[in-house]
C-alpha atoms as a PDB file:
ATOM      1  CA  MET A   1      -3.153  -2.984  -0.676  1.00  0.00           C
ATOM      2  CA  ARG A   2       0.005  -4.997  -0.766  1.00  0.00           C
ATOM      3  CA  GLU A   3       1.315  -3.293  -3.892  1.00  0.00           C
ATOM      4  CA  VAL A   4       0.771   0.088  -2.235  1.00  0.00           C
ATOM      5  CA  LEU A   5       2.500  -0.935   1.003  1.00  0.00           C
ATOM      6  CA  TYR A   6       5.463  -2.499  -0.744  1.00  0.00           C
ATOM      7  CA  GLY A   7       5.913   0.251  -3.315  1.00  0.00           C
ATOM      8  CA  GLY A   8       5.215  -1.867  -6.357  1.00  0.00           C
ATOM      9  CA  ARG A   9       7.685  -4.643  -5.561  1.00  0.00           C
ATOM     10  CA  HIS A  10       4.940  -7.195  -5.007  1.00  0.00           C
ATOM     11  CA  PRO A  11       4.122  -9.565  -7.904  1.00  0.00           C
ATOM     12  CA  CYS A  12       0.638  -8.035  -8.061  1.00  0.00           C
ATOM     13  CA  ALA A  13       2.114  -4.591  -8.627  1.00  0.00           C
ATOM     14  CA  ARG A  14       0.877  -1.838 -10.852  1.00  0.00           C
ATOM     15  CA  ASP A  15      -0.092  -3.204 -14.278  1.00  0.00           C
ATOM     16  CA  SER A  16      -1.083  -6.748 -13.319  1.00  0.00           C
ATOM     17  CA  CYS A  17      -3.507  -5.607 -10.618  1.00  0.00           C
ATOM     18  CA  ARG A  18      -5.181  -3.246 -13.029  1.00  0.00           C
ATOM     19  CA  LEU A  19      -6.585  -6.291 -14.798  1.00  0.00           C
ATOM     20  CA  TYR A  20      -8.954  -6.698 -11.855  1.00  0.00           C
ATOM     21  CA  ASP A  21      -9.860  -3.029 -11.403  1.00  0.00           C
ATOM     22  CA  THR A  22     -12.725  -1.514 -13.349  1.00  0.00           C
ATOM     23  CA  ASP A  23     -11.192   1.940 -12.948  1.00  0.00           C
ATOM     24  CA  ALA A  24      -7.458   1.648 -12.179  1.00  0.00           C
ATOM     25  CA  LYS A  25      -6.962   5.317 -11.261  1.00  0.00           C
ATOM     26  CA  GLN A  26      -9.955   5.365  -8.913  1.00  0.00           C
ATOM     27  CA  SER A  27      -8.884   2.043  -7.374  1.00  0.00           C
ATOM     28  CA  ALA A  28      -5.408   3.403  -6.617  1.00  0.00           C
ATOM     29  CA  LYS A  29      -6.917   6.558  -5.069  1.00  0.00           C
ATOM     30  CA  SER A  30      -9.252   4.410  -2.956  1.00  0.00           C
ATOM     31  CA  ARG A  31      -6.415   2.217  -1.677  1.00  0.00           C
ATOM     32  CA  VAL A  32      -4.333   5.257  -0.739  1.00  0.00           C
ATOM     33  CA  ARG A  33      -7.343   6.882   0.967  1.00  0.00           C
ATOM     34  CA  VAL A  34      -7.988   3.742   3.035  1.00  0.00           C
ATOM     35  CA  LEU A  35      -4.302   3.413   3.929  1.00  0.00           C
ATOM     36  CA  ASN A  36      -4.232   7.065   5.049  1.00  0.00           C
ATOM     37  CA  ILE A  37      -7.179   6.387   7.358  1.00  0.00           C
ATOM     38  CA  LEU A  38      -5.546   3.228   8.728  1.00  0.00           C
ATOM     39  CA  ALA A  39      -2.160   4.932   9.198  1.00  0.00           C
ATOM     40  CA  GLU A  40      -3.577   8.036  10.891  1.00  0.00           C
ATOM     41  CA  GLY A  41      -5.469   5.953  13.432  1.00  0.00           C
ATOM     42  CA  ARG A  42      -2.780   3.283  13.684  1.00  0.00           C
ATOM     43  CA  THR A  43      -5.617   0.862  13.094  1.00  0.00           C
ATOM     44  CA  ARG A  44      -4.758  -2.832  13.203  1.00  0.00           C
ATOM     45  CA  LEU A  45      -5.260  -4.573   9.898  1.00  0.00           C
ATOM     46  CA  LEU A  46      -5.489  -8.212   8.959  1.00  0.00           C
ATOM     47  CA  ALA A  47      -3.894  -9.072   5.625  1.00  0.00           C
ATOM     48  CA  TYR A  48      -4.485 -12.689   4.647  1.00  0.00           C
ATOM     49  CA  HIS A  49      -1.797 -12.771   1.950  1.00  0.00           C
ATOM     50  CA  PHE A  50       0.961 -11.135   3.995  1.00  0.00           C
ATOM     51  CA  ALA A  51       3.661 -13.154   5.701  1.00  0.00           C
ATOM     52  CA  TRP A  52       3.035 -14.422   9.244  1.00  0.00           C
ATOM     53  CA  PRO A  53       1.432 -13.060  11.334  1.00  0.00           C
ATOM     54  CA  GLY A  54      -0.543 -11.012   8.785  1.00  0.00           C
ATOM     55  CA  ILE A  55      -1.716  -8.674  11.551  1.00  0.00           C
ATOM     56  CA  GLY A  56      -0.132  -5.278  11.936  1.00  0.00           C
ATOM     57  CA  HIS A  57      -0.541  -1.652  10.992  1.00  0.00           C
ATOM     58  CA  ALA A  58       0.361   0.689   8.151  1.00  0.00           C
ATOM     59  CA  ALA A  59       2.333   3.892   8.598  1.00  0.00           C
ATOM     60  CA  LYS A  60       3.219   6.727   6.245  1.00  0.00           C
ATOM     61  CA  GLN A  61       6.771   6.489   4.947  1.00  0.00           C
ATOM     62  CA  GLY A  62       7.963   9.082   2.471  1.00  0.00           C
ATOM     63  CA  ASP A  63       5.361   9.344  -0.266  1.00  0.00           C
ATOM     64  CA  GLY A  64       4.040   5.855   0.444  1.00  0.00           C
ATOM     65  CA  PHE A  65       3.268   3.477   3.282  1.00  0.00           C
ATOM     66  CA  ARG A  66       5.032   0.781   5.235  1.00  0.00           C
ATOM     67  CA  TYR A  67       3.525  -2.293   6.858  1.00  0.00           C
ATOM     68  CA  TYR A  68       4.622  -3.139  10.401  1.00  0.00           C
ATOM     69  CA  PRO A  69       3.719  -6.674  11.465  1.00  0.00           C
ATOM     70  CA  GLU A  70       2.502  -7.103  14.998  1.00  0.00           C
ATOM     71  CA  GLU A  71       4.650  -9.132  17.340  1.00  0.00           C
ATOM     72  CA  MET A  72       2.938 -12.415  18.079  1.00  0.00           C
ATOM     73  CA  THR A  73       3.052 -14.200  21.402  1.00  0.00           C
ATOM     74  CA  LEU A  74       2.164 -17.856  21.280  1.00  0.00           C
ATOM     75  CA  ILE A  75       0.227 -18.994  24.303  1.00  0.00           C
ATOM     76  CA  PRO A  76       0.478 -22.673  25.199  1.00  0.00           C
ATOM     77  CA  LEU A  77      -2.808 -24.477  25.577  1.00  0.00           C
ATOM     78  CA  SER A  78      -3.477 -25.888  28.999  1.00  0.00           C
ATOM     79  CA  PRO A  79      -4.604 -29.531  29.188  1.00  0.00           C
ATOM     80  CA  THR A  80      -8.311 -29.959  29.797  1.00  0.00           C
END
């Protein structure tokens, strides 16, 4: 997903990620299909390998997608 959201500027972009895909063309189509679904519904997504907070949503931008991290509010723990 990250290489789709960042337009191939991620270290795992294009050719290197294909090493892990059985069918690179189908894998790319699947990622775009899932991102379209997430973007259309503005569905929150959790991306473990994204920078903090790793929670946000994807949106269409041009012919690709953009990731918008969610603003995080830290809540202090009350003493027990």
